[in-house]
C-alpha cells in the first residue's frame, strides 16, 4: 500500500487518536511552527512519515521542500510517496521556524545541489531548530555545519563525520542546542520526542 502526502491531504490511521492523546498529555501547548521538510528521491519511508505525522499532530505545519515543485517522490521501501510542495528556488529559510531532514538516499542526492546545501546552511547559521535523522547529517557535512555541534548519525555517516572532525557519539538521540540527531528507524520515537521538546522553546514568528 502506498501512502501519499500532499498539501491537500494527510494520512490517517487507527492509532491517530492514541498519538494525539500522547502529544496532548506529554507536551505543553506551543505556538504552531512552520517546518521545512527537505526531501529528495529514495528517502527512508518511516523516517519521513512518522516524524511528519507527529509534527502535524502536534499542530505544526510541515512544508515539503525539494528540487522541483510538484515532483512526486517515492521512499526507498516503496511504501510512501510524497509530492514536493515548494522548490528550494521558491522559498526562503526565513519563512520557516525549523528544518526537518529525513534520511535514506535523499540527503546524499540533495547535497549535490547548491540550493539545497545553502538552504540547510542558513538554518544552522541562524541557530534555528534542525532535526536530522540517519543520513540527514550528510547535508550538514556538505554545508560545513558540523564542527561546533555534538551529534549522531547512521553508523557509516558517523565515520565520515568523525574523520571530518565532528564530535560524534553512538546513541539513539543527541540534542545539542538547536540540533537534534538520531541514527536509524528504531530511534524514531526518541527523535520525535526530543524534536518536539526543542520546538517548545522556539518563539513564534512575527
N, C-alpha and C. Protein backbone atom coordinates (compact mmCIF):
# COMPACT_ATOMS: atom_id res chain seq x y z
N UNK A 1 0.84 -1.20 0.00
CA UNK A 1 0.00 0.00 0.00
C UNK A 1 0.88 1.25 0.00
N UNK A 2 0.58 2.20 -0.85
CA UNK A 2 1.29 3.46 -0.89
C UNK A 2 0.54 4.50 -0.07
N UNK A 3 1.27 5.32 0.66
CA UNK A 3 0.69 6.44 1.37
C UNK A 3 1.17 7.72 0.69
N UNK A 4 0.23 8.54 0.27
CA UNK A 4 0.57 9.78 -0.42
C UNK A 4 0.49 10.95 0.55
N UNK A 5 1.46 11.85 0.47
CA UNK A 5 1.48 13.05 1.31
C UNK A 5 1.47 14.25 0.38
N UNK A 6 0.37 14.99 0.39
CA UNK A 6 0.22 16.16 -0.45
C UNK A 6 -0.29 17.31 0.39
N UNK A 7 -0.24 18.56 -0.10
CA UNK A 7 -0.74 19.70 0.67
C UNK A 7 -2.20 19.58 1.04
N UNK A 8 -2.99 18.87 0.22
CA UNK A 8 -4.43 18.83 0.45
C UNK A 8 -4.86 17.69 1.34
N UNK A 9 -4.00 16.72 1.57
CA UNK A 9 -4.43 15.55 2.33
C UNK A 9 -3.39 15.17 3.35
N UNK A 10 -3.85 14.53 4.43
CA UNK A 10 -2.92 13.99 5.39
C UNK A 10 -3.36 12.59 5.74
N UNK A 11 -2.41 11.67 6.01
CA UNK A 11 -2.77 10.30 6.27
C UNK A 11 -3.45 10.16 7.61
N UNK A 12 -4.34 9.19 7.70
CA UNK A 12 -4.94 8.85 8.97
C UNK A 12 -4.75 7.37 9.21
N UNK A 13 -4.76 6.96 10.46
CA UNK A 13 -4.65 5.55 10.76
C UNK A 13 -5.31 5.29 12.10
N UNK A 14 -5.45 4.03 12.44
CA UNK A 14 -6.20 3.66 13.64
C UNK A 14 -5.54 4.16 14.90
N UNK A 15 -4.23 4.38 14.85
CA UNK A 15 -3.54 4.82 16.06
C UNK A 15 -3.51 6.34 16.20
N UNK A 16 -4.16 7.04 15.26
CA UNK A 16 -4.09 8.50 15.28
C UNK A 16 -4.58 9.11 16.57
N UNK A 17 -5.69 8.55 17.12
CA UNK A 17 -6.22 9.07 18.37
C UNK A 17 -5.25 8.89 19.51
N UNK A 18 -4.56 7.74 19.53
CA UNK A 18 -3.58 7.48 20.58
C UNK A 18 -2.41 8.44 20.48
N UNK A 19 -1.96 8.71 19.25
CA UNK A 19 -0.86 9.66 19.06
C UNK A 19 -1.26 11.03 19.57
N UNK A 20 -2.47 11.48 19.22
CA UNK A 20 -2.91 12.80 19.67
C UNK A 20 -3.03 12.86 21.18
N UNK A 21 -3.50 11.76 21.81
CA UNK A 21 -3.58 11.72 23.27
C UNK A 21 -2.20 11.83 23.89
N UNK A 22 -1.24 11.08 23.32
CA UNK A 22 0.13 11.12 23.85
C UNK A 22 0.71 12.52 23.76
N UNK A 23 0.53 13.16 22.59
CA UNK A 23 1.07 14.50 22.41
C UNK A 23 0.40 15.48 23.36
N UNK A 24 -0.91 15.36 23.52
CA UNK A 24 -1.64 16.30 24.37
C UNK A 24 -1.26 16.17 25.83
N UNK A 25 -0.91 14.95 26.26
CA UNK A 25 -0.62 14.74 27.68
C UNK A 25 0.86 14.86 28.01
N UNK A 26 1.73 14.89 27.00
CA UNK A 26 3.16 14.93 27.26
C UNK A 26 3.84 16.22 26.83
N UNK A 27 3.15 17.06 26.06
CA UNK A 27 3.78 18.28 25.59
C UNK A 27 2.85 19.47 25.81
N UNK A 28 3.39 20.52 26.39
CA UNK A 28 2.59 21.69 26.65
C UNK A 28 2.21 22.37 25.35
N UNK A 29 1.16 23.18 25.40
CA UNK A 29 0.72 23.88 24.20
C UNK A 29 1.76 24.89 23.78
N UNK A 30 2.13 24.88 22.51
CA UNK A 30 3.13 25.80 21.99
C UNK A 30 2.58 26.44 20.72
N UNK A 31 3.10 27.61 20.35
CA UNK A 31 2.63 28.22 19.11
C UNK A 31 2.90 27.31 17.92
N UNK A 32 1.99 27.30 16.96
CA UNK A 32 2.19 26.48 15.77
C UNK A 32 3.44 26.94 15.03
N UNK A 33 4.29 25.99 14.67
CA UNK A 33 5.52 26.28 13.97
C UNK A 33 5.40 25.86 12.50
N UNK A 34 6.17 26.49 11.66
CA UNK A 34 6.21 26.12 10.24
C UNK A 34 7.55 25.43 9.99
N UNK A 35 7.49 24.16 9.63
CA UNK A 35 8.69 23.35 9.49
C UNK A 35 8.92 23.01 8.02
N UNK A 36 10.13 23.26 7.53
CA UNK A 36 10.51 22.84 6.18
C UNK A 36 11.06 21.43 6.26
N UNK A 37 10.49 20.53 5.46
CA UNK A 37 10.98 19.15 5.38
C UNK A 37 11.64 18.99 4.01
N UNK A 38 12.96 18.81 3.99
CA UNK A 38 13.67 18.71 2.71
C UNK A 38 13.76 17.24 2.29
N UNK A 39 13.28 16.97 1.09
CA UNK A 39 13.16 15.58 0.62
C UNK A 39 13.63 15.47 -0.82
N UNK A 40 14.39 14.42 -1.07
CA UNK A 40 14.81 14.06 -2.42
C UNK A 40 14.45 12.62 -2.69
N UNK A 41 14.83 12.08 -3.85
CA UNK A 41 14.50 10.70 -4.20
C UNK A 41 15.05 9.69 -3.20
N UNK A 42 14.27 8.62 -2.97
CA UNK A 42 14.69 7.48 -2.15
C UNK A 42 14.94 7.84 -0.69
N UNK A 43 14.09 8.73 -0.16
CA UNK A 43 14.12 9.00 1.28
C UNK A 43 13.71 7.72 2.03
N UNK A 44 14.06 7.62 3.31
CA UNK A 44 13.66 6.45 4.11
C UNK A 44 12.22 6.65 4.55
N UNK A 45 11.36 5.71 4.18
CA UNK A 45 9.91 5.87 4.35
C UNK A 45 9.51 6.25 5.77
N UNK A 46 9.90 5.45 6.75
CA UNK A 46 9.45 5.69 8.13
C UNK A 46 10.09 6.92 8.73
N UNK A 47 11.31 7.23 8.31
CA UNK A 47 12.00 8.41 8.87
C UNK A 47 11.38 9.70 8.36
N UNK A 48 10.68 9.63 7.25
CA UNK A 48 9.87 10.77 6.82
C UNK A 48 8.49 10.72 7.45
N UNK A 49 7.79 9.61 7.28
CA UNK A 49 6.37 9.51 7.60
C UNK A 49 6.07 9.74 9.09
N UNK A 50 6.79 9.07 9.97
CA UNK A 50 6.44 9.13 11.39
C UNK A 50 6.71 10.51 12.01
N UNK A 51 7.86 11.13 11.80
CA UNK A 51 8.02 12.50 12.31
C UNK A 51 7.07 13.49 11.65
N UNK A 52 6.86 13.35 10.33
CA UNK A 52 5.94 14.24 9.62
C UNK A 52 4.57 14.21 10.28
N UNK A 53 4.05 13.01 10.52
CA UNK A 53 2.74 12.88 11.15
C UNK A 53 2.74 13.44 12.57
N UNK A 54 3.81 13.17 13.32
CA UNK A 54 3.87 13.63 14.70
C UNK A 54 3.92 15.15 14.78
N UNK A 55 4.70 15.79 13.91
CA UNK A 55 4.75 17.26 13.90
C UNK A 55 3.37 17.84 13.58
N UNK A 56 2.69 17.26 12.62
CA UNK A 56 1.37 17.77 12.25
C UNK A 56 0.33 17.47 13.33
N UNK A 57 0.42 16.32 13.96
CA UNK A 57 -0.50 16.00 15.06
C UNK A 57 -0.30 16.96 16.23
N UNK A 58 0.90 17.50 16.37
CA UNK A 58 1.18 18.46 17.43
C UNK A 58 0.74 19.88 17.05
N UNK A 59 0.20 20.03 15.84
CA UNK A 59 -0.33 21.33 15.43
C UNK A 59 0.58 22.16 14.56
N UNK A 60 1.72 21.60 14.17
CA UNK A 60 2.67 22.36 13.36
C UNK A 60 2.42 22.13 11.86
N UNK A 61 2.77 23.11 11.07
CA UNK A 61 2.67 22.98 9.61
C UNK A 61 4.00 22.43 9.09
N UNK A 62 3.94 21.44 8.22
CA UNK A 62 5.14 20.88 7.61
C UNK A 62 5.04 21.06 6.11
N UNK A 63 5.99 21.75 5.52
CA UNK A 63 6.01 22.01 4.08
C UNK A 63 7.12 21.18 3.45
N UNK A 64 6.77 20.39 2.44
CA UNK A 64 7.75 19.54 1.77
C UNK A 64 8.47 20.35 0.70
N UNK A 65 9.78 20.49 0.90
CA UNK A 65 10.62 21.30 0.01
C UNK A 65 11.59 20.37 -0.73
N UNK A 66 11.70 20.57 -2.03
CA UNK A 66 12.59 19.72 -2.82
C UNK A 66 13.16 20.46 -4.01
N UNK A 67 13.68 19.72 -4.94
CA UNK A 67 14.35 20.32 -6.09
C UNK A 67 13.37 20.88 -7.11
N UNK A 68 12.18 20.27 -7.20
CA UNK A 68 11.19 20.71 -8.20
C UNK A 68 9.78 20.62 -7.63
N UNK A 69 9.09 21.75 -7.53
CA UNK A 69 7.72 21.76 -7.02
C UNK A 69 6.84 20.88 -7.90
N UNK A 70 6.00 20.08 -7.27
CA UNK A 70 5.11 19.19 -7.99
C UNK A 70 5.68 17.81 -8.27
N UNK A 71 6.98 17.64 -8.05
CA UNK A 71 7.61 16.34 -8.30
C UNK A 71 7.07 15.30 -7.31
N UNK A 72 6.86 14.10 -7.80
CA UNK A 72 6.40 13.00 -6.95
C UNK A 72 7.58 12.08 -6.66
N UNK A 73 7.84 11.89 -5.37
CA UNK A 73 9.00 11.12 -4.93
C UNK A 73 8.55 9.89 -4.17
N UNK A 74 9.29 8.80 -4.32
CA UNK A 74 8.95 7.55 -3.65
C UNK A 74 10.04 7.19 -2.65
N UNK A 75 9.64 6.70 -1.48
CA UNK A 75 10.60 6.25 -0.48
C UNK A 75 11.36 5.02 -0.95
N UNK A 76 12.50 4.74 -0.32
CA UNK A 76 13.32 3.64 -0.79
C UNK A 76 12.71 2.27 -0.51
N UNK A 77 11.71 2.21 0.39
CA UNK A 77 11.00 0.95 0.63
C UNK A 77 9.75 0.83 -0.27
N UNK A 78 9.41 1.90 -0.98
CA UNK A 78 8.26 1.89 -1.85
C UNK A 78 6.93 1.96 -1.14
N UNK A 79 6.93 2.29 0.15
CA UNK A 79 5.69 2.33 0.92
C UNK A 79 5.08 3.72 1.00
N UNK A 80 5.88 4.74 0.82
CA UNK A 80 5.41 6.12 0.97
C UNK A 80 5.81 6.92 -0.26
N UNK A 81 4.87 7.73 -0.75
CA UNK A 81 5.17 8.67 -1.83
C UNK A 81 4.80 10.07 -1.36
N UNK A 82 5.58 11.05 -1.79
CA UNK A 82 5.29 12.43 -1.42
C UNK A 82 5.28 13.31 -2.65
N UNK A 83 4.57 14.40 -2.55
CA UNK A 83 4.57 15.42 -3.59
C UNK A 83 5.29 16.65 -3.06
N UNK A 84 6.33 17.09 -3.77
CA UNK A 84 7.07 18.29 -3.35
C UNK A 84 6.17 19.51 -3.50
N UNK A 85 6.02 20.26 -2.42
CA UNK A 85 5.14 21.43 -2.43
C UNK A 85 5.83 22.69 -2.93
N UNK A 86 7.08 22.86 -2.51
CA UNK A 86 7.83 24.07 -2.91
C UNK A 86 9.24 23.67 -3.31
N UNK A 87 9.82 24.39 -4.24
CA UNK A 87 11.22 24.13 -4.60
C UNK A 87 12.13 25.04 -3.79
N UNK A 88 13.38 24.66 -3.69
CA UNK A 88 14.36 25.47 -2.96
C UNK A 88 14.44 26.88 -3.55
N UNK A 89 14.27 26.98 -4.85
CA UNK A 89 14.38 28.28 -5.51
C UNK A 89 13.21 29.20 -5.20
N UNK A 90 12.11 28.61 -4.71
CA UNK A 90 10.89 29.39 -4.47
C UNK A 90 10.63 29.71 -3.01
N UNK A 91 11.53 29.30 -2.12
CA UNK A 91 11.32 29.55 -0.69
C UNK A 91 12.56 30.19 -0.08
N UNK A 92 12.33 30.80 1.07
CA UNK A 92 13.43 31.37 1.84
C UNK A 92 13.43 30.75 3.24
N UNK A 93 14.59 30.50 3.82
CA UNK A 93 14.63 29.93 5.17
C UNK A 93 13.87 30.76 6.20
N UNK A 94 13.80 32.10 5.99
CA UNK A 94 13.12 32.93 6.99
C UNK A 94 11.60 32.77 6.96
N UNK A 95 11.08 31.95 6.03
CA UNK A 95 9.65 31.63 6.02
C UNK A 95 9.32 30.52 7.02
N UNK A 96 10.36 29.91 7.61
CA UNK A 96 10.17 28.72 8.44
C UNK A 96 10.80 28.90 9.82
N UNK A 97 10.28 28.12 10.77
CA UNK A 97 10.80 28.13 12.13
C UNK A 97 11.79 27.02 12.39
N UNK A 98 11.74 25.95 11.60
CA UNK A 98 12.58 24.78 11.84
C UNK A 98 12.77 24.00 10.55
N UNK A 99 13.74 23.08 10.59
CA UNK A 99 14.09 22.27 9.42
C UNK A 99 14.12 20.80 9.82
N UNK A 100 13.51 19.95 9.00
CA UNK A 100 13.49 18.51 9.22
C UNK A 100 14.14 17.82 8.03
N UNK A 101 15.14 16.96 8.30
CA UNK A 101 15.87 16.26 7.24
C UNK A 101 15.74 14.75 7.45
N UNK A 102 14.82 14.09 6.74
CA UNK A 102 14.73 12.63 6.81
C UNK A 102 15.97 11.99 6.18
N UNK A 103 16.17 10.69 6.51
CA UNK A 103 17.34 10.00 6.00
C UNK A 103 17.07 9.22 4.72
N UNK A 104 17.77 8.09 4.58
CA UNK A 104 17.71 7.32 3.34
C UNK A 104 18.67 7.88 2.31
N UNK A 105 18.34 7.68 1.04
CA UNK A 105 19.20 8.18 -0.03
C UNK A 105 19.01 9.65 -0.34
N UNK A 106 17.97 10.26 0.24
CA UNK A 106 17.62 11.64 -0.05
C UNK A 106 18.72 12.66 0.26
N UNK A 107 19.32 12.66 1.47
CA UNK A 107 20.32 13.70 1.77
C UNK A 107 21.51 13.69 0.81
N UNK A 108 21.97 12.50 0.43
CA UNK A 108 23.12 12.43 -0.47
C UNK A 108 22.80 13.01 -1.83
N UNK A 109 21.56 12.79 -2.29
CA UNK A 109 21.16 13.34 -3.58
C UNK A 109 20.98 14.85 -3.50
N UNK A 110 20.41 15.32 -2.39
CA UNK A 110 20.18 16.76 -2.24
C UNK A 110 21.49 17.54 -2.12
N UNK A 111 22.49 16.96 -1.47
CA UNK A 111 23.71 17.74 -1.23
C UNK A 111 24.54 17.95 -2.48
N UNK A 112 24.13 17.33 -3.59
CA UNK A 112 24.78 17.60 -4.87
C UNK A 112 24.29 18.90 -5.50
N UNK A 113 23.31 19.55 -4.84
CA UNK A 113 22.70 20.77 -5.39
C UNK A 113 22.96 21.94 -4.45
N UNK A 114 23.56 22.97 -4.97
CA UNK A 114 23.96 24.12 -4.15
C UNK A 114 22.78 24.76 -3.43
N UNK A 115 21.60 24.81 -4.09
CA UNK A 115 20.47 25.49 -3.47
C UNK A 115 20.00 24.74 -2.22
N UNK A 116 20.10 23.42 -2.23
CA UNK A 116 19.72 22.63 -1.05
C UNK A 116 20.73 22.83 0.07
N UNK A 117 22.00 22.82 -0.26
CA UNK A 117 23.05 22.99 0.75
C UNK A 117 22.96 24.38 1.38
N UNK A 118 22.75 25.40 0.57
CA UNK A 118 22.63 26.76 1.08
C UNK A 118 21.42 26.90 1.99
N UNK A 119 20.32 26.25 1.62
CA UNK A 119 19.10 26.30 2.42
C UNK A 119 19.36 25.74 3.81
N UNK A 120 20.00 24.58 3.88
CA UNK A 120 20.31 23.94 5.17
C UNK A 120 21.29 24.79 5.97
N UNK A 121 22.30 25.30 5.30
CA UNK A 121 23.33 26.09 5.98
C UNK A 121 22.74 27.33 6.65
N UNK A 122 21.76 27.94 6.01
CA UNK A 122 21.14 29.14 6.56
C UNK A 122 20.42 28.85 7.87
N UNK A 123 19.75 27.71 7.95
CA UNK A 123 19.07 27.33 9.20
C UNK A 123 20.09 27.16 10.33
N UNK A 124 21.18 26.47 10.05
CA UNK A 124 22.19 26.24 11.08
C UNK A 124 22.86 27.54 11.50
N UNK A 125 23.16 28.39 10.53
CA UNK A 125 23.82 29.65 10.85
C UNK A 125 22.94 30.56 11.70
N UNK A 126 21.62 30.43 11.51
CA UNK A 126 20.67 31.23 12.29
C UNK A 126 20.27 30.57 13.60
N UNK A 127 20.85 29.39 13.88
CA UNK A 127 20.56 28.63 15.10
C UNK A 127 19.08 28.28 15.22
N UNK A 128 18.42 28.06 14.07
CA UNK A 128 17.04 27.58 14.10
C UNK A 128 17.05 26.06 14.33
N UNK A 129 15.98 25.51 14.90
CA UNK A 129 15.94 24.07 15.13
C UNK A 129 16.13 23.28 13.83
N UNK A 130 17.01 22.29 13.90
CA UNK A 130 17.26 21.39 12.78
C UNK A 130 17.17 19.96 13.30
N UNK A 131 16.34 19.15 12.66
CA UNK A 131 16.10 17.77 13.07
C UNK A 131 16.58 16.86 11.94
N UNK A 132 17.67 16.12 12.16
CA UNK A 132 18.27 15.31 11.10
C UNK A 132 18.45 13.88 11.60
N UNK A 133 17.92 12.93 10.85
CA UNK A 133 17.99 11.53 11.25
C UNK A 133 18.71 10.69 10.20
N UNK A 134 19.46 9.69 10.66
CA UNK A 134 20.10 8.69 9.81
C UNK A 134 21.15 9.33 8.89
N UNK A 135 20.89 9.38 7.59
CA UNK A 135 21.83 10.00 6.65
C UNK A 135 21.65 11.52 6.57
N UNK A 136 20.68 12.07 7.31
CA UNK A 136 20.43 13.51 7.27
C UNK A 136 21.66 14.37 7.50
N UNK A 137 22.56 14.01 8.46
CA UNK A 137 23.74 14.84 8.69
C UNK A 137 24.70 14.94 7.51
N UNK A 138 24.50 14.13 6.46
CA UNK A 138 25.31 14.32 5.25
C UNK A 138 25.15 15.75 4.72
N UNK A 139 23.95 16.29 4.82
CA UNK A 139 23.73 17.66 4.37
C UNK A 139 24.46 18.66 5.26
N UNK A 140 24.53 18.37 6.56
CA UNK A 140 25.29 19.25 7.46
C UNK A 140 26.78 19.20 7.13
N UNK A 141 27.25 18.02 6.78
CA UNK A 141 28.66 17.86 6.43
C UNK A 141 29.00 18.67 5.19
N UNK A 142 28.20 18.58 4.15
CA UNK A 142 28.46 19.32 2.92
C UNK A 142 28.31 20.82 3.14
N UNK A 143 27.38 21.21 4.03
CA UNK A 143 27.18 22.63 4.32
C UNK A 143 28.22 23.18 5.28
N UNK A 144 29.14 22.32 5.73
CA UNK A 144 30.18 22.72 6.69
C UNK A 144 29.56 23.27 7.98
N UNK A 145 28.53 22.58 8.45
CA UNK A 145 27.83 23.00 9.67
C UNK A 145 27.78 21.85 10.68
N UNK A 146 28.93 21.28 10.95
CA UNK A 146 29.00 20.13 11.85
C UNK A 146 30.06 20.30 12.95
N UNK A 147 30.90 21.31 12.83
CA UNK A 147 32.08 21.41 13.68
C UNK A 147 31.80 21.74 15.14
N UNK A 148 30.77 22.54 15.40
CA UNK A 148 30.58 23.03 16.77
C UNK A 148 29.40 22.35 17.47
N UNK A 149 28.90 21.26 16.89
CA UNK A 149 27.79 20.54 17.49
C UNK A 149 28.16 19.08 17.76
N UNK A 150 27.65 18.58 18.85
CA UNK A 150 27.73 17.15 19.15
C UNK A 150 26.55 16.49 18.43
N UNK A 151 26.78 15.33 17.81
CA UNK A 151 25.72 14.74 17.01
C UNK A 151 25.90 13.24 16.85
N UNK A 152 24.88 12.60 16.29
CA UNK A 152 24.97 11.22 15.88
C UNK A 152 24.40 11.10 14.47
N UNK A 153 24.47 9.89 13.90
CA UNK A 153 24.01 9.65 12.53
C UNK A 153 24.04 8.15 12.28
N UNK A 154 23.64 7.74 11.09
CA UNK A 154 23.78 6.35 10.67
C UNK A 154 25.25 5.94 10.81
N UNK A 155 25.51 4.67 11.11
CA UNK A 155 26.86 4.25 11.51
C UNK A 155 27.95 4.61 10.49
N UNK A 156 27.67 4.48 9.20
CA UNK A 156 28.69 4.83 8.21
C UNK A 156 28.90 6.34 8.13
N UNK A 157 27.84 7.10 8.35
CA UNK A 157 27.95 8.56 8.34
C UNK A 157 28.68 9.05 9.58
N UNK A 158 28.53 8.33 10.69
CA UNK A 158 29.30 8.66 11.89
C UNK A 158 30.79 8.69 11.57
N UNK A 159 31.25 7.68 10.81
CA UNK A 159 32.66 7.62 10.45
C UNK A 159 33.08 8.79 9.59
N UNK A 160 32.25 9.17 8.63
CA UNK A 160 32.56 10.32 7.77
C UNK A 160 32.66 11.60 8.60
N UNK A 161 31.69 11.77 9.50
CA UNK A 161 31.69 12.97 10.34
C UNK A 161 32.91 13.01 11.26
N UNK A 162 33.24 11.85 11.84
CA UNK A 162 34.37 11.79 12.76
C UNK A 162 35.68 12.13 12.05
N UNK A 163 35.85 11.62 10.83
CA UNK A 163 37.06 11.90 10.06
C UNK A 163 37.15 13.38 9.70
N UNK A 164 35.98 14.02 9.59
CA UNK A 164 35.96 15.46 9.26
C UNK A 164 36.16 16.32 10.51
N UNK A 165 36.22 15.68 11.68
CA UNK A 165 36.47 16.43 12.90
C UNK A 165 35.26 16.71 13.76
N UNK A 166 34.13 16.07 13.46
CA UNK A 166 32.92 16.30 14.23
C UNK A 166 32.97 15.56 15.57
N UNK A 167 32.21 16.05 16.54
CA UNK A 167 32.05 15.40 17.84
C UNK A 167 30.88 14.43 17.72
N UNK A 168 31.17 13.15 17.49
CA UNK A 168 30.15 12.16 17.16
C UNK A 168 30.04 11.13 18.28
N UNK A 169 28.80 10.78 18.63
CA UNK A 169 28.53 9.72 19.60
C UNK A 169 27.54 8.74 19.00
N UNK A 170 27.54 7.52 19.52
CA UNK A 170 26.64 6.49 19.02
C UNK A 170 25.54 6.26 20.05
N UNK A 171 24.45 7.03 19.93
CA UNK A 171 23.30 6.86 20.81
C UNK A 171 22.04 7.23 20.07
N UNK A 172 20.87 6.85 20.62
CA UNK A 172 19.63 6.94 19.85
C UNK A 172 19.24 8.36 19.49
N UNK A 173 19.55 9.31 20.34
CA UNK A 173 19.23 10.70 20.03
C UNK A 173 20.23 11.61 20.74
N UNK A 174 20.63 12.66 20.06
CA UNK A 174 21.54 13.65 20.63
C UNK A 174 20.93 15.03 20.42
N UNK A 175 20.84 15.79 21.49
CA UNK A 175 20.34 17.16 21.42
C UNK A 175 21.48 18.10 21.80
N UNK A 176 21.86 18.95 20.88
CA UNK A 176 22.88 19.96 21.17
C UNK A 176 22.36 21.31 20.68
N UNK A 177 21.84 22.07 21.64
CA UNK A 177 21.22 23.37 21.36
C UNK A 177 20.11 23.25 20.31
N UNK A 178 20.30 23.78 19.13
CA UNK A 178 19.23 23.76 18.12
C UNK A 178 19.17 22.47 17.32
N UNK A 179 20.16 21.61 17.47
CA UNK A 179 20.28 20.43 16.60
C UNK A 179 19.86 19.15 17.32
N UNK A 180 18.95 18.39 16.69
CA UNK A 180 18.55 17.07 17.17
C UNK A 180 18.91 16.06 16.09
N UNK A 181 19.66 15.01 16.47
CA UNK A 181 20.05 13.99 15.51
C UNK A 181 19.78 12.59 16.07
N UNK A 182 19.49 11.65 15.18
CA UNK A 182 19.32 10.25 15.54
C UNK A 182 19.93 9.38 14.45
N UNK A 183 20.04 8.05 14.75
CA UNK A 183 20.82 7.16 13.89
C UNK A 183 20.03 6.41 12.84
N UNK A 184 18.79 5.95 13.19
CA UNK A 184 18.15 4.92 12.37
C UNK A 184 16.67 4.83 12.71
N UNK A 185 15.89 4.05 11.94
CA UNK A 185 14.45 3.99 12.19
C UNK A 185 14.05 3.59 13.61
N UNK A 186 14.80 2.72 14.26
CA UNK A 186 14.44 2.32 15.62
C UNK A 186 14.55 3.47 16.62
N UNK A 187 15.23 4.53 16.24
CA UNK A 187 15.39 5.70 17.11
C UNK A 187 14.28 6.74 16.93
N UNK A 188 13.36 6.49 16.01
CA UNK A 188 12.35 7.50 15.66
C UNK A 188 11.56 8.00 16.87
N UNK A 189 11.07 7.14 17.78
CA UNK A 189 10.32 7.67 18.93
C UNK A 189 11.11 8.70 19.75
N UNK A 190 12.38 8.41 20.01
CA UNK A 190 13.22 9.35 20.76
C UNK A 190 13.46 10.61 19.95
N UNK A 191 13.65 10.45 18.65
CA UNK A 191 13.87 11.59 17.75
C UNK A 191 12.68 12.53 17.76
N UNK A 192 11.48 11.96 17.68
CA UNK A 192 10.26 12.77 17.71
C UNK A 192 10.12 13.47 19.06
N UNK A 193 10.30 12.72 20.13
CA UNK A 193 10.15 13.27 21.48
C UNK A 193 11.05 14.49 21.69
N UNK A 194 12.33 14.35 21.35
CA UNK A 194 13.26 15.44 21.60
C UNK A 194 13.07 16.61 20.63
N UNK A 195 12.66 16.31 19.41
CA UNK A 195 12.40 17.39 18.44
C UNK A 195 11.22 18.24 18.91
N UNK A 196 10.17 17.61 19.41
CA UNK A 196 9.02 18.36 19.90
C UNK A 196 9.40 19.19 21.13
N UNK A 197 10.28 18.67 21.97
CA UNK A 197 10.73 19.45 23.12
C UNK A 197 11.47 20.71 22.68
N UNK A 198 12.31 20.57 21.65
CA UNK A 198 13.03 21.74 21.14
C UNK A 198 12.06 22.76 20.58
N UNK A 199 11.02 22.31 19.89
CA UNK A 199 10.04 23.24 19.33
C UNK A 199 9.30 24.01 20.43
N UNK A 200 9.20 23.42 21.62
CA UNK A 200 8.55 24.13 22.72
C UNK A 200 9.30 25.41 23.09
N UNK A 201 10.59 25.45 22.80
CA UNK A 201 11.42 26.59 23.19
C UNK A 201 11.50 27.68 22.14
N UNK A 202 10.88 27.44 20.98
CA UNK A 202 11.01 28.38 19.86
C UNK A 202 9.95 29.47 19.96
N UNK A 203 10.37 30.74 19.98
CA UNK A 203 9.37 31.83 19.98
C UNK A 203 8.64 31.88 18.66
N UNK A 204 7.39 32.28 18.70
CA UNK A 204 6.58 32.39 17.49
C UNK A 204 7.15 33.46 16.56
N UNK A 205 7.08 33.18 15.24
CA UNK A 205 7.49 34.20 14.27
C UNK A 205 6.47 35.32 14.22
N UNK A 206 6.94 36.52 13.95
CA UNK A 206 6.04 37.68 13.81
C UNK A 206 6.13 38.22 12.39
